[in-house]
Amino acid sequence: MMERIRITSGDYKGRYVGLPADGGWVSNPVVEKDPPVNVPGTKYGFVAQEHAATEFSEGNVVAVQTDLKALGYESELVEVK
């Protein structure tokens, strides 16, 4: 099962976790209107659009959520449909 991670606390509540493709964010007109926010000290970013978020496998979500929690971000899992 693939899942996305949505932030549930702080200034970025409601945004999803993404990873840049090929070292940079994918150029997409919809994403450019509300651009990703890089999370300092990590390889993650927060995106406003669910479809632009990274799909994580079940085994990876715990590590990502642990990293985010250490930075003060609470999150929840959203199943990819």
Protein backbone atom coordinates (compact mmCIF):
# COMPACT_ATOMS: atom_id res chain seq x y z
CA MET A 1 0.00 0.00 0.00
CA MET A 2 1.25 3.47 -0.84
CA GLU A 3 0.60 6.45 1.40
CA ARG A 4 1.15 10.17 1.47
CA ILE A 5 2.04 12.10 4.60
CA ARG A 6 0.06 15.21 5.55
CA ILE A 7 1.25 17.70 8.17
CA THR A 8 -1.24 18.18 11.02
CA SER A 9 0.46 20.89 13.10
CA GLY A 10 2.25 24.20 12.82
CA ASP A 11 2.51 26.74 10.04
CA TYR A 12 2.39 24.07 7.31
CA LYS A 13 -0.67 22.21 8.57
CA GLY A 14 -2.54 20.67 5.64
CA ARG A 15 0.50 20.44 3.37
CA TYR A 16 1.89 17.14 2.16
CA VAL A 17 5.44 15.81 2.27
CA GLY A 18 7.33 15.64 -0.98
CA LEU A 19 10.80 14.87 -2.23
CA PRO A 20 12.38 16.81 -5.08
CA ALA A 21 12.70 14.84 -8.33
CA ASP A 22 16.28 14.69 -9.63
CA GLY A 23 17.50 17.11 -6.99
CA GLY A 24 14.96 19.85 -7.76
CA TRP A 25 11.22 20.38 -7.64
CA VAL A 26 9.35 19.36 -10.76
CA SER A 27 8.14 22.33 -12.77
CA ASN A 28 4.37 22.27 -12.79
CA PRO A 29 2.14 25.34 -13.29
CA VAL A 30 -0.23 24.29 -10.48
CA VAL A 31 2.64 23.72 -8.05
CA GLU A 32 4.30 26.99 -9.08
CA LYS A 33 1.20 28.94 -7.90
CA ASP A 34 1.73 27.62 -4.36
CA PRO A 35 5.37 26.45 -4.37
CA PRO A 36 6.89 23.82 -2.12
CA VAL A 37 8.58 24.84 1.11
CA ASN A 38 11.90 23.14 1.79
CA VAL A 39 12.33 21.73 5.28
CA PRO A 40 15.78 22.87 6.47
CA GLY A 41 18.17 20.09 7.38
CA THR A 42 16.19 17.43 5.49
CA LYS A 43 15.61 16.26 1.96
CA TYR A 44 11.87 16.90 2.38
CA GLY A 45 9.60 19.69 1.34
CA PHE A 46 5.98 20.54 2.03
CA VAL A 47 3.66 20.84 -0.96
CA ALA A 48 0.10 22.18 -0.97
CA GLN A 49 -1.21 19.81 -3.65
CA GLU A 50 -1.85 16.19 -2.70
CA HIS A 51 -1.10 14.94 -6.22
CA ALA A 52 2.36 16.57 -6.03
CA ALA A 53 3.26 14.76 -2.80
CA THR A 54 5.56 11.77 -2.68
CA GLU A 55 3.97 8.34 -2.41
CA PHE A 56 5.76 6.44 0.34
CA SER A 57 5.71 2.69 0.83
CA GLU A 58 4.44 1.40 4.14
CA GLY A 59 7.99 0.64 5.30
CA ASN A 60 9.23 4.19 4.74
CA VAL A 61 6.50 6.24 6.40
CA VAL A 62 7.63 5.54 9.96
CA ALA A 63 11.15 6.85 9.29
CA VAL A 64 9.83 9.98 7.57
CA GLN A 65 7.29 10.67 10.31
CA THR A 66 9.99 10.17 12.97
CA ASP A 67 12.27 12.67 11.22
CA LEU A 68 9.46 15.20 10.96
CA LYS A 69 8.39 14.73 14.58
CA ALA A 70 11.98 15.42 15.70
CA LEU A 71 11.63 18.78 13.90
CA GLY A 72 8.33 19.50 15.66
CA TYR A 73 5.89 18.48 12.91
CA GLU A 74 3.00 16.15 13.63
CA SER A 75 1.62 14.23 10.66
CA GLU A 76 -0.93 11.69 9.48
CA LEU A 77 -1.05 9.11 6.72
CA VAL A 78 -3.31 9.47 3.70
CA GLU A 79 -3.88 6.36 1.62
CA VAL A 80 -3.19 6.78 -2.10
CA LYS A 81 -6.30 5.86 -4.06
